[in-house]
């Protein structure tokens, strides 16, 4: 039942995005003209009909999950892995301190630090063979960051089953807020060290057996863990309520994630002829784009067939 639910909740939106939304989006970009787009399946100069384009699309694409739907694909893989793990370990005794609705003790700070360190070291090892920003067909996935994804997916499942999401104390959260702040403040130094401000990025940062890759991998490990704890405890204490608008937006967030490219990209192309400062243009366009995404998502969720998998 779990896998069937995941196939409906994740697999169906992934297929819609991959088979419908992404091809149409590429078509819109390609017919817009080479002077106004940054690339597409046919170098932004396609002249045929949409039906001809879609007929040729599978043969010319070469990979899948080019849009944000890659995350749905990854979650499907993780869900299958979780089911296989549960099947393989179901005969083992399970000690569940929070199995009766009472949460167990939160992990100690030392254990959390070791977990963050393990994520960083795991990323460093993977990046010896799979550097950052390297995507592998046909799934088009960036394996360099998968140690984080897999570790946090497993940690989330473990914490949920033991009712640990409410057990982090304010004192414990305070420490990890400082760690998160330190990671954020050191980020410009990492960018400068990597050569970003000079216009070229040192490839050693992205992977290989070197100190730059090790430092960057460890920084990511501690950043993601500290940010999870920081936002979890912050929202638990300060945002543990919803207005009617907030509830409607929260319920539509998943639909926004699926459909936002097909809304934002055409809107951006439509406004590309307006000449103004790009930062000012972003400030003016972004609120309208966000509101439009939520309005479309809210409307789609009212359609019975869409509501069944969009929540």
C-alpha atoms as a PDB file:
ATOM      1  CA  UNK A   1       0.000   0.000   0.000  1.00  0.00           C
ATOM      2  CA  UNK A   2       2.851   2.371   0.801  1.00  0.00           C
ATOM      3  CA  UNK A   3       4.417   1.946  -2.632  1.00  0.00           C
ATOM      4  CA  UNK A   4       1.068   2.304  -4.379  1.00  0.00           C
ATOM      5  CA  UNK A   5       0.482   5.538  -2.509  1.00  0.00           C
ATOM      6  CA  UNK A   6       3.973   6.806  -3.435  1.00  0.00           C
ATOM      7  CA  UNK A   7       3.426   5.870  -7.082  1.00  0.00           C
ATOM      8  CA  UNK A   8       0.224   7.895  -7.056  1.00  0.00           C
ATOM      9  CA  UNK A   9       1.591  10.819  -5.072  1.00  0.00           C
ATOM     10  CA  UNK A  10       5.038  11.005  -6.703  1.00  0.00           C
ATOM     11  CA  UNK A  11       4.993   8.854  -9.827  1.00  0.00           C
ATOM     12  CA  UNK A  12       1.894  10.349 -11.444  1.00  0.00           C
ATOM     13  CA  UNK A  13       3.044  13.993 -11.074  1.00  0.00           C
ATOM     14  CA  UNK A  14       6.474  12.944 -12.335  1.00  0.00           C
ATOM     15  CA  UNK A  15       4.951  11.389 -15.468  1.00  0.00           C
ATOM     16  CA  UNK A  16       2.766  14.448 -16.077  1.00  0.00           C
ATOM     17  CA  UNK A  17       5.769  16.719 -15.736  1.00  0.00           C
ATOM     18  CA  UNK A  18       8.052  14.548 -17.839  1.00  0.00           C
ATOM     19  CA  UNK A  19       5.624  13.652 -20.625  1.00  0.00           C
ATOM     20  CA  UNK A  20       3.583  16.866 -20.819  1.00  0.00           C
ATOM     21  CA  UNK A  21       4.918  19.892 -18.961  1.00  0.00           C
ATOM     22  CA  UNK A  22       8.647  19.698 -19.761  1.00  0.00           C
ATOM     23  CA  UNK A  23       8.175  19.036 -23.529  1.00  0.00           C
ATOM     24  CA  UNK A  24       5.693  21.905 -23.841  1.00  0.00           C
ATOM     25  CA  UNK A  25       7.992  24.170 -21.849  1.00  0.00           C
ATOM     26  CA  UNK A  26      10.921  23.327 -24.124  1.00  0.00           C
ATOM     27  CA  UNK A  27       8.724  24.031 -27.146  1.00  0.00           C
ATOM     28  CA  UNK A  28       7.798  27.449 -25.784  1.00  0.00           C
ATOM     29  CA  UNK A  29      11.469  28.273 -25.192  1.00  0.00           C
ATOM     30  CA  UNK A  30      12.596  26.984 -28.601  1.00  0.00           C
ATOM     31  CA  UNK A  31      10.081  28.950 -30.647  1.00  0.00           C
ATOM     32  CA  UNK A  32      10.727  32.163 -28.761  1.00  0.00           C
ATOM     33  CA  UNK A  33      13.839  32.997 -30.779  1.00  0.00           C
ATOM     34  CA  UNK A  34      17.580  32.730 -30.303  1.00  0.00           C
ATOM     35  CA  UNK A  35      17.924  36.345 -29.132  1.00  0.00           C
ATOM     36  CA  UNK A  36      15.599  35.866 -26.187  1.00  0.00           C
ATOM     37  CA  UNK A  37      16.367  32.445 -24.761  1.00  0.00           C
ATOM     38  CA  UNK A  38      19.330  30.622 -23.294  1.00  0.00           C
ATOM     39  CA  UNK A  39      18.958  27.266 -24.964  1.00  0.00           C
ATOM     40  CA  UNK A  40      16.555  24.532 -25.836  1.00  0.00           C
ATOM     41  CA  UNK A  41      16.183  21.274 -27.626  1.00  0.00           C
ATOM     42  CA  UNK A  42      16.651  22.858 -31.075  1.00  0.00           C
ATOM     43  CA  UNK A  43      18.901  25.843 -30.203  1.00  0.00           C
ATOM     44  CA  UNK A  44      15.943  28.194 -29.900  1.00  0.00           C
ATOM     45  CA  UNK A  45      15.163  28.344 -33.625  1.00  0.00           C
ATOM     46  CA  UNK A  46      12.481  25.706 -34.075  1.00  0.00           C
ATOM     47  CA  UNK A  47       9.974  26.563 -36.826  1.00  0.00           C
ATOM     48  CA  UNK A  48       7.620  23.555 -36.937  1.00  0.00           C
ATOM     49  CA  UNK A  49       4.315  22.864 -35.198  1.00  0.00           C
ATOM     50  CA  UNK A  50       3.923  21.780 -31.610  1.00  0.00           C
ATOM     51  CA  UNK A  51       2.808  18.302 -32.727  1.00  0.00           C
ATOM     52  CA  UNK A  52       5.913  17.832 -34.878  1.00  0.00           C
ATOM     53  CA  UNK A  53       8.030  19.027 -31.982  1.00  0.00           C
ATOM     54  CA  UNK A  54       6.457  16.626 -29.503  1.00  0.00           C
ATOM     55  CA  UNK A  55       6.797  13.734 -31.951  1.00  0.00           C
ATOM     56  CA  UNK A  56      10.545  14.354 -32.237  1.00  0.00           C
ATOM     57  CA  UNK A  57      11.049  15.197 -28.578  1.00  0.00           C
ATOM     58  CA  UNK A  58      11.699  11.693 -27.125  1.00  0.00           C
ATOM     59  CA  UNK A  59      14.321  10.918 -29.773  1.00  0.00           C
ATOM     60  CA  UNK A  60      16.180  14.209 -29.354  1.00  0.00           C
ATOM     61  CA  UNK A  61      15.944  14.639 -25.611  1.00  0.00           C
ATOM     62  CA  UNK A  62      18.438  11.968 -24.552  1.00  0.00           C
ATOM     63  CA  UNK A  63      17.625  12.135 -20.837  1.00  0.00           C
ATOM     64  CA  UNK A  64      14.709  12.506 -18.466  1.00  0.00           C
ATOM     65  CA  UNK A  65      13.856  14.695 -15.477  1.00  0.00           C
ATOM     66  CA  UNK A  66      15.385  17.901 -16.836  1.00  0.00           C
ATOM     67  CA  UNK A  67      13.078  20.068 -14.730  1.00  0.00           C
ATOM     68  CA  UNK A  68      12.316  20.154 -10.991  1.00  0.00           C
ATOM     69  CA  UNK A  69      10.620  16.769 -11.293  1.00  0.00           C
ATOM     70  CA  UNK A  70      14.034  15.147 -10.712  1.00  0.00           C
ATOM     71  CA  UNK A  71      13.265  15.299  -6.998  1.00  0.00           C
ATOM     72  CA  UNK A  72      10.090  13.255  -7.445  1.00  0.00           C
ATOM     73  CA  UNK A  73      12.152  10.681  -9.290  1.00  0.00           C
ATOM     74  CA  UNK A  74      14.709  10.590  -6.468  1.00  0.00           C
ATOM     75  CA  UNK A  75      11.985  10.245  -3.821  1.00  0.00           C
ATOM     76  CA  UNK A  76      10.531   7.299  -5.727  1.00  0.00           C
ATOM     77  CA  UNK A  77      13.919   5.577  -5.623  1.00  0.00           C
ATOM     78  CA  UNK A  78      14.243   6.334  -1.900  1.00  0.00           C
ATOM     79  CA  UNK A  79      10.730   4.993  -1.246  1.00  0.00           C
ATOM     80  CA  UNK A  80      11.540   1.736  -3.020  1.00  0.00           C
ATOM     81  CA  UNK A  81      14.774   1.496  -1.032  1.00  0.00           C
ATOM     82  CA  UNK A  82      12.856   2.111   2.204  1.00  0.00           C
ATOM     83  CA  UNK A  83      10.390  -0.677   1.435  1.00  0.00           C
ATOM     84  CA  UNK A  84      13.202  -3.088   0.590  1.00  0.00           C
ATOM     85  CA  UNK A  85      14.958  -2.180   3.838  1.00  0.00           C
ATOM     86  CA  UNK A  86      11.815  -2.776   5.887  1.00  0.00           C
ATOM     87  CA  UNK A  87      11.277  -6.137   4.191  1.00  0.00           C
ATOM     88  CA  UNK A  88      14.890  -7.148   4.812  1.00  0.00           C
ATOM     89  CA  UNK A  89      14.803  -6.168   8.508  1.00  0.00           C
ATOM     90  CA  UNK A  90      11.254  -7.095   9.504  1.00  0.00           C
ATOM     91  CA  UNK A  91      12.449 -10.249  11.277  1.00  0.00           C
ATOM     92  CA  UNK A  92      14.845  -8.264  13.481  1.00  0.00           C
ATOM     93  CA  UNK A  93      13.732  -7.013  16.916  1.00  0.00           C
ATOM     94  CA  UNK A  94      13.023  -3.291  16.846  1.00  0.00           C
ATOM     95  CA  UNK A  95      13.498  -1.123  19.916  1.00  0.00           C
ATOM     96  CA  UNK A  96      11.050   1.773  19.597  1.00  0.00           C
ATOM     97  CA  UNK A  97      11.262   4.134  22.608  1.00  0.00           C
ATOM     98  CA  UNK A  98       8.506   6.315  21.192  1.00  0.00           C
ATOM     99  CA  UNK A  99       6.307   3.636  19.693  1.00  0.00           C
ATOM    100  CA  UNK A 100       3.353   4.317  21.997  1.00  0.00           C
ATOM    101  CA  UNK A 101       2.987   7.982  21.124  1.00  0.00           C
ATOM    102  CA  UNK A 102       5.539   9.184  23.683  1.00  0.00           C
ATOM    103  CA  UNK A 103       8.635  10.633  22.052  1.00  0.00           C
ATOM    104  CA  UNK A 104      12.015   9.185  22.839  1.00  0.00           C
ATOM    105  CA  UNK A 105      14.993  11.305  23.833  1.00  0.00           C
ATOM    106  CA  UNK A 106      16.370  13.648  21.181  1.00  0.00           C
ATOM    107  CA  UNK A 107      19.791  12.714  19.780  1.00  0.00           C
ATOM    108  CA  UNK A 108      22.658  14.306  21.691  1.00  0.00           C
ATOM    109  CA  UNK A 109      24.624  17.107  20.077  1.00  0.00           C
ATOM    110  CA  UNK A 110      27.667  14.868  19.734  1.00  0.00           C
ATOM    111  CA  UNK A 111      25.659  12.289  17.787  1.00  0.00           C
ATOM    112  CA  UNK A 112      24.201  15.004  15.566  1.00  0.00           C
ATOM    113  CA  UNK A 113      27.683  16.371  14.892  1.00  0.00           C
ATOM    114  CA  UNK A 114      28.923  12.896  13.962  1.00  0.00           C
ATOM    115  CA  UNK A 115      25.932  12.533  11.640  1.00  0.00           C
ATOM    116  CA  UNK A 116      26.773  15.836   9.914  1.00  0.00           C
ATOM    117  CA  UNK A 117      30.421  14.777   9.687  1.00  0.00           C
ATOM    118  CA  UNK A 118      29.415  11.444   8.134  1.00  0.00           C
ATOM    119  CA  UNK A 119      27.301  13.249   5.530  1.00  0.00           C
ATOM    120  CA  UNK A 120      30.238  15.470   4.620  1.00  0.00           C
ATOM    121  CA  UNK A 121      32.712  12.601   4.420  1.00  0.00           C
ATOM    122  CA  UNK A 122      30.257  10.524   2.399  1.00  0.00           C
ATOM    123  CA  UNK A 123      29.809  13.392  -0.061  1.00  0.00           C
ATOM    124  CA  UNK A 124      33.591  13.821  -0.302  1.00  0.00           C
ATOM    125  CA  UNK A 125      34.072  10.140  -1.184  1.00  0.00           C
ATOM    126  CA  UNK A 126      31.262  10.129  -3.753  1.00  0.00           C
ATOM    127  CA  UNK A 127      32.640  13.295  -5.379  1.00  0.00           C
ATOM    128  CA  UNK A 128      35.939  11.599  -6.124  1.00  0.00           C
ATOM    129  CA  UNK A 129      34.070   9.876  -8.968  1.00  0.00           C
ATOM    130  CA  UNK A 130      30.937  12.055  -9.333  1.00  0.00           C
ATOM    131  CA  UNK A 131      31.776  15.787  -9.050  1.00  0.00           C
ATOM    132  CA  UNK A 132      29.308  18.545  -8.217  1.00  0.00           C
ATOM    133  CA  UNK A 133      27.207  19.798 -11.158  1.00  0.00           C
ATOM    134  CA  UNK A 134      27.812  16.558 -13.070  1.00  0.00           C
ATOM    135  CA  UNK A 135      24.481  15.038 -14.139  1.00  0.00           C
ATOM    136  CA  UNK A 136      24.292  11.468 -15.332  1.00  0.00           C
ATOM    137  CA  UNK A 137      21.898  10.280 -18.060  1.00  0.00           C
ATOM    138  CA  UNK A 138      19.384   8.894 -18.512  1.00  0.00           C
ATOM    139  CA  UNK A 139      18.068   9.874 -15.062  1.00  0.00           C
ATOM    140  CA  UNK A 140      19.821  13.260 -15.125  1.00  0.00           C
ATOM    141  CA  UNK A 141      20.687  13.080 -11.421  1.00  0.00           C
ATOM    142  CA  UNK A 142      23.535  14.813  -9.573  1.00  0.00           C
ATOM    143  CA  UNK A 143      24.954  11.967  -7.495  1.00  0.00           C
ATOM    144  CA  UNK A 144      27.402  14.310  -5.731  1.00  0.00           C
ATOM    145  CA  UNK A 145      24.655  15.472  -3.372  1.00  0.00           C
ATOM    146  CA  UNK A 146      22.929  12.134  -2.870  1.00  0.00           C
ATOM    147  CA  UNK A 147      24.734  11.329   0.409  1.00  0.00           C
ATOM    148  CA  UNK A 148      22.852  14.297   1.921  1.00  0.00           C
ATOM    149  CA  UNK A 149      19.536  13.301   0.387  1.00  0.00           C
ATOM    150  CA  UNK A 150      19.761   9.657   1.412  1.00  0.00           C
ATOM    151  CA  UNK A 151      21.000  10.415   4.945  1.00  0.00           C
ATOM    152  CA  UNK A 152      18.296  13.003   5.624  1.00  0.00           C
ATOM    153  CA  UNK A 153      15.575  10.801   4.125  1.00  0.00           C
ATOM    154  CA  UNK A 154      16.641   7.974   6.435  1.00  0.00           C
ATOM    155  CA  UNK A 155      16.933  10.339   9.413  1.00  0.00           C
ATOM    156  CA  UNK A 156      13.453  11.717   8.743  1.00  0.00           C
ATOM    157  CA  UNK A 157      11.924   8.226   8.636  1.00  0.00           C
ATOM    158  CA  UNK A 158      13.802   7.239  11.805  1.00  0.00           C
ATOM    159  CA  UNK A 159      12.764  10.414  13.668  1.00  0.00           C
ATOM    160  CA  UNK A 160       9.130  10.087  12.601  1.00  0.00           C
ATOM    161  CA  UNK A 161       8.838   6.477  13.767  1.00  0.00           C
ATOM    162  CA  UNK A 162      10.274   7.459  17.162  1.00  0.00           C
ATOM    163  CA  UNK A 163       8.244  10.685  17.468  1.00  0.00           C
ATOM    164  CA  UNK A 164      11.418  12.759  17.744  1.00  0.00           C
ATOM    165  CA  UNK A 165      10.395  15.788  15.688  1.00  0.00           C
ATOM    166  CA  UNK A 166       9.163  17.607  18.802  1.00  0.00           C
ATOM    167  CA  UNK A 167      11.907  16.645  21.229  1.00  0.00           C
ATOM    168  CA  UNK A 168      14.705  19.078  20.363  1.00  0.00           C
ATOM    169  CA  UNK A 169      15.027  21.499  23.277  1.00  0.00           C
ATOM    170  CA  UNK A 170      15.420  25.251  22.867  1.00  0.00           C
ATOM    171  CA  UNK A 171      18.891  25.033  24.395  1.00  0.00           C
ATOM    172  CA  UNK A 172      19.899  22.368  21.898  1.00  0.00           C
ATOM    173  CA  UNK A 173      18.393  24.337  19.019  1.00  0.00           C
ATOM    174  CA  UNK A 174      20.291  27.458  20.096  1.00  0.00           C
ATOM    175  CA  UNK A 175      23.618  25.701  19.566  1.00  0.00           C
ATOM    176  CA  UNK A 176      22.660  24.548  16.081  1.00  0.00           C
ATOM    177  CA  UNK A 177      21.361  28.006  15.195  1.00  0.00           C
ATOM    178  CA  UNK A 178      24.860  29.285  15.879  1.00  0.00           C
ATOM    179  CA  UNK A 179      26.319  26.513  13.727  1.00  0.00           C
ATOM    180  CA  UNK A 180      23.909  27.403  10.899  1.00  0.00           C
ATOM    181  CA  UNK A 181      24.773  31.096  11.221  1.00  0.00           C
ATOM    182  CA  UNK A 182      28.475  30.284  11.129  1.00  0.00           C
ATOM    183  CA  UNK A 183      28.012  28.209   7.981  1.00  0.00           C
ATOM    184  CA  UNK A 184      26.104  31.057   6.313  1.00  0.00           C
ATOM    185  CA  UNK A 185      28.697  33.678   7.298  1.00  0.00           C
ATOM    186  CA  UNK A 186      31.577  31.582   6.015  1.00  0.00           C
ATOM    187  CA  UNK A 187      29.866  31.013   2.653  1.00  0.00           C
ATOM    188  CA  UNK A 188      31.272  34.187   0.982  1.00  0.00           C
ATOM    189  CA  UNK A 189      34.764  33.063   2.000  1.00  0.00           C
ATOM    190  CA  UNK A 190      34.128  29.688   0.363  1.00  0.00           C
ATOM    191  CA  UNK A 191      32.943  31.425  -2.811  1.00  0.00           C
ATOM    192  CA  UNK A 192      36.052  33.609  -2.854  1.00  0.00           C
ATOM    193  CA  UNK A 193      38.267  30.593  -2.163  1.00  0.00           C
ATOM    194  CA  UNK A 194      36.615  28.763  -5.064  1.00  0.00           C
ATOM    195  CA  UNK A 195      37.292  31.719  -7.374  1.00  0.00           C
ATOM    196  CA  UNK A 196      33.650  32.604  -8.020  1.00  0.00           C
ATOM    197  CA  UNK A 197      34.235  36.365  -7.729  1.00  0.00           C
ATOM    198  CA  UNK A 198      37.068  36.198 -10.251  1.00  0.00           C
ATOM    199  CA  UNK A 199      34.788  34.646 -12.862  1.00  0.00           C
ATOM    200  CA  UNK A 200      36.251  31.131 -12.820  1.00  0.00           C
ATOM    201  CA  UNK A 201      35.495  28.310 -10.400  1.00  0.00           C
ATOM    202  CA  UNK A 202      38.311  26.051  -9.281  1.00  0.00           C
ATOM    203  CA  UNK A 203      37.185  22.544 -10.337  1.00  0.00           C
ATOM    204  CA  UNK A 204      38.822  21.057  -7.244  1.00  0.00           C
ATOM    205  CA  UNK A 205      35.953  22.390  -5.125  1.00  0.00           C
ATOM    206  CA  UNK A 206      33.503  20.130  -6.919  1.00  0.00           C
ATOM    207  CA  UNK A 207      35.326  16.872  -6.382  1.00  0.00           C
ATOM    208  CA  UNK A 208      38.519  14.861  -6.319  1.00  0.00           C
ATOM    209  CA  UNK A 209      40.992  13.969  -3.605  1.00  0.00           C
ATOM    210  CA  UNK A 210      41.914  17.439  -2.343  1.00  0.00           C
ATOM    211  CA  UNK A 211      41.345  19.725   0.642  1.00  0.00           C
ATOM    212  CA  UNK A 212      38.999  22.072  -1.220  1.00  0.00           C
ATOM    213  CA  UNK A 213      36.526  19.309  -2.006  1.00  0.00           C
ATOM    214  CA  UNK A 214      36.799  17.944   1.562  1.00  0.00           C
ATOM    215  CA  UNK A 215      36.180  21.372   3.123  1.00  0.00           C
ATOM    216  CA  UNK A 216      33.232  22.118   0.851  1.00  0.00           C
ATOM    217  CA  UNK A 217      31.671  18.683   1.478  1.00  0.00           C
ATOM    218  CA  UNK A 218      32.011  19.051   5.258  1.00  0.00           C
ATOM    219  CA  UNK A 219      30.555  22.576   5.111  1.00  0.00           C
ATOM    220  CA  UNK A 220      27.514  21.264   3.232  1.00  0.00           C
ATOM    221  CA  UNK A 221      27.050  18.438   5.743  1.00  0.00           C
ATOM    222  CA  UNK A 222      27.000  20.754   8.760  1.00  0.00           C
ATOM    223  CA  UNK A 223      24.928  23.386   6.937  1.00  0.00           C
ATOM    224  CA  UNK A 224      22.095  21.030   5.968  1.00  0.00           C
ATOM    225  CA  UNK A 225      21.890  19.371   9.411  1.00  0.00           C
ATOM    226  CA  UNK A 226      22.019  22.665  11.346  1.00  0.00           C
ATOM    227  CA  UNK A 227      19.461  24.275   9.026  1.00  0.00           C
ATOM    228  CA  UNK A 228      17.037  21.365   9.486  1.00  0.00           C
ATOM    229  CA  UNK A 229      17.178  21.672  13.282  1.00  0.00           C
ATOM    230  CA  UNK A 230      17.048  25.479  13.179  1.00  0.00           C
ATOM    231  CA  UNK A 231      13.973  25.714  10.981  1.00  0.00           C
ATOM    232  CA  UNK A 232      12.243  22.774  12.654  1.00  0.00           C
ATOM    233  CA  UNK A 233      12.460  24.329  16.104  1.00  0.00           C
ATOM    234  CA  UNK A 234      11.867  27.892  14.889  1.00  0.00           C
ATOM    235  CA  UNK A 235       8.672  27.028  13.053  1.00  0.00           C
ATOM    236  CA  UNK A 236       7.547  24.800  15.921  1.00  0.00           C
ATOM    237  CA  UNK A 237       7.733  27.666  18.404  1.00  0.00           C
ATOM    238  CA  UNK A 238       6.850  30.695  16.251  1.00  0.00           C
ATOM    239  CA  UNK A 239       4.692  29.478  13.373  1.00  0.00           C
ATOM    240  CA  UNK A 240       2.626  26.691  14.912  1.00  0.00           C
ATOM    241  CA  UNK A 241      -0.607  28.125  13.522  1.00  0.00           C
ATOM    242  CA  UNK A 242      -2.149  28.920  10.143  1.00  0.00           C
ATOM    243  CA  UNK A 243      -4.547  31.489   8.827  1.00  0.00           C
ATOM    244  CA  UNK A 244      -7.135  30.508   6.254  1.00  0.00           C
ATOM    245  CA  UNK A 245      -4.910  31.901   3.478  1.00  0.00           C
ATOM    246  CA  UNK A 246      -1.832  30.195   4.901  1.00  0.00           C
ATOM    247  CA  UNK A 247      -3.638  26.859   5.046  1.00  0.00           C
ATOM    248  CA  UNK A 248      -4.798  27.192   1.427  1.00  0.00           C
ATOM    249  CA  UNK A 249      -1.278  28.071   0.298  1.00  0.00           C
ATOM    250  CA  UNK A 250       0.216  25.199   2.298  1.00  0.00           C
ATOM    251  CA  UNK A 251      -2.203  22.721   0.737  1.00  0.00           C
ATOM    252  CA  UNK A 252      -1.337  24.038  -2.734  1.00  0.00           C
ATOM    253  CA  UNK A 253       2.463  24.051  -2.249  1.00  0.00           C
ATOM    254  CA  UNK A 254       3.017  20.644  -3.845  1.00  0.00           C
ATOM    255  CA  UNK A 255       0.991  21.626  -6.925  1.00  0.00           C
ATOM    256  CA  UNK A 256       3.009  24.853  -7.164  1.00  0.00           C
ATOM    257  CA  UNK A 257       6.204  22.792  -7.122  1.00  0.00           C
ATOM    258  CA  UNK A 258       4.972  20.668 -10.027  1.00  0.00           C
ATOM    259  CA  UNK A 259       3.459  23.368 -12.231  1.00  0.00           C
ATOM    260  CA  UNK A 260       5.479  26.525 -11.500  1.00  0.00           C
ATOM    261  CA  UNK A 261       7.910  26.192 -14.485  1.00  0.00           C
ATOM    262  CA  UNK A 262       5.063  26.156 -17.019  1.00  0.00           C
ATOM    263  CA  UNK A 263       3.825  29.412 -15.450  1.00  0.00           C
ATOM    264  CA  UNK A 264       7.020  31.306 -14.640  1.00  0.00           C
ATOM    265  CA  UNK A 265       8.994  30.644 -17.840  1.00  0.00           C
ATOM    266  CA  UNK A 266       6.252  31.799 -20.281  1.00  0.00           C
ATOM    267  CA  UNK A 267       5.599  34.813 -18.041  1.00  0.00           C
ATOM    268  CA  UNK A 268       9.297  35.699 -18.106  1.00  0.00           C
ATOM    269  CA  UNK A 269       9.438  35.347 -21.891  1.00  0.00           C
ATOM    270  CA  UNK A 270       6.303  37.454 -22.224  1.00  0.00           C
ATOM    271  CA  UNK A 271       7.933  40.267 -20.263  1.00  0.00           C
ATOM    272  CA  UNK A 272      11.369  39.881 -21.868  1.00  0.00           C
ATOM    273  CA  UNK A 273      10.700  42.745 -24.262  1.00  0.00           C
ATOM    274  CA  UNK A 274      10.355  45.257 -21.428  1.00  0.00           C
ATOM    275  CA  UNK A 275      13.714  46.979 -20.994  1.00  0.00           C
ATOM    276  CA  UNK A 276      14.547  47.910 -17.409  1.00  0.00           C
ATOM    277  CA  UNK A 277      17.007  47.106 -14.666  1.00  0.00           C
ATOM    278  CA  UNK A 278      16.904  43.339 -14.123  1.00  0.00           C
ATOM    279  CA  UNK A 279      16.876  43.585 -10.327  1.00  0.00           C
ATOM    280  CA  UNK A 280      13.956  46.013 -10.422  1.00  0.00           C
ATOM    281  CA  UNK A 281      12.211  43.808 -12.962  1.00  0.00           C
ATOM    282  CA  UNK A 282      12.606  40.824 -10.639  1.00  0.00           C
ATOM    283  CA  UNK A 283      11.132  42.753  -7.704  1.00  0.00           C
ATOM    284  CA  UNK A 284       8.132  43.731  -9.800  1.00  0.00           C
ATOM    285  CA  UNK A 285       7.574  40.372 -11.466  1.00  0.00           C
ATOM    286  CA  UNK A 286       8.225  37.956  -8.596  1.00  0.00           C
ATOM    287  CA  UNK A 287       5.167  38.766  -6.408  1.00  0.00           C
ATOM    288  CA  UNK A 288       2.863  38.526  -9.418  1.00  0.00           C
ATOM    289  CA  UNK A 289       4.469  35.249 -10.544  1.00  0.00           C
ATOM    290  CA  UNK A 290       4.189  33.688  -7.067  1.00  0.00           C
ATOM    291  CA  UNK A 291       0.553  34.756  -6.710  1.00  0.00           C
ATOM    292  CA  UNK A 292      -0.250  33.400 -10.176  1.00  0.00           C
ATOM    293  CA  UNK A 293       1.401  30.054  -9.360  1.00  0.00           C
ATOM    294  CA  UNK A 294      -0.694  29.645  -6.216  1.00  0.00           C
ATOM    295  CA  UNK A 295      -3.900  30.696  -7.962  1.00  0.00           C
ATOM    296  CA  UNK A 296      -3.349  28.145 -10.734  1.00  0.00           C
ATOM    297  CA  UNK A 297      -2.416  25.448  -8.207  1.00  0.00           C
ATOM    298  CA  UNK A 298      -5.482  26.217  -6.106  1.00  0.00           C
ATOM    299  CA  UNK A 299      -7.687  25.934  -9.195  1.00  0.00           C
ATOM    300  CA  UNK A 300      -6.109  22.645 -10.274  1.00  0.00           C
ATOM    301  CA  UNK A 301      -6.710  21.147  -6.853  1.00  0.00           C
ATOM    302  CA  UNK A 302     -10.421  21.811  -7.307  1.00  0.00           C
ATOM    303  CA  UNK A 303     -10.451  19.469 -10.324  1.00  0.00           C
ATOM    304  CA  UNK A 304     -11.352  15.976  -8.997  1.00  0.00           C
ATOM    305  CA  UNK A 305      -8.750  13.993 -10.961  1.00  0.00           C
ATOM    306  CA  UNK A 306      -5.948  16.402 -10.070  1.00  0.00           C
ATOM    307  CA  UNK A 307      -6.955  16.652  -6.422  1.00  0.00           C
ATOM    308  CA  UNK A 308      -6.535  12.900  -6.000  1.00  0.00           C
ATOM    309  CA  UNK A 309      -2.737  13.175  -6.296  1.00  0.00           C
ATOM    310  CA  UNK A 310      -2.047  16.868  -5.633  1.00  0.00           C
ATOM    311  CA  UNK A 311      -3.407  16.626  -2.099  1.00  0.00           C
END
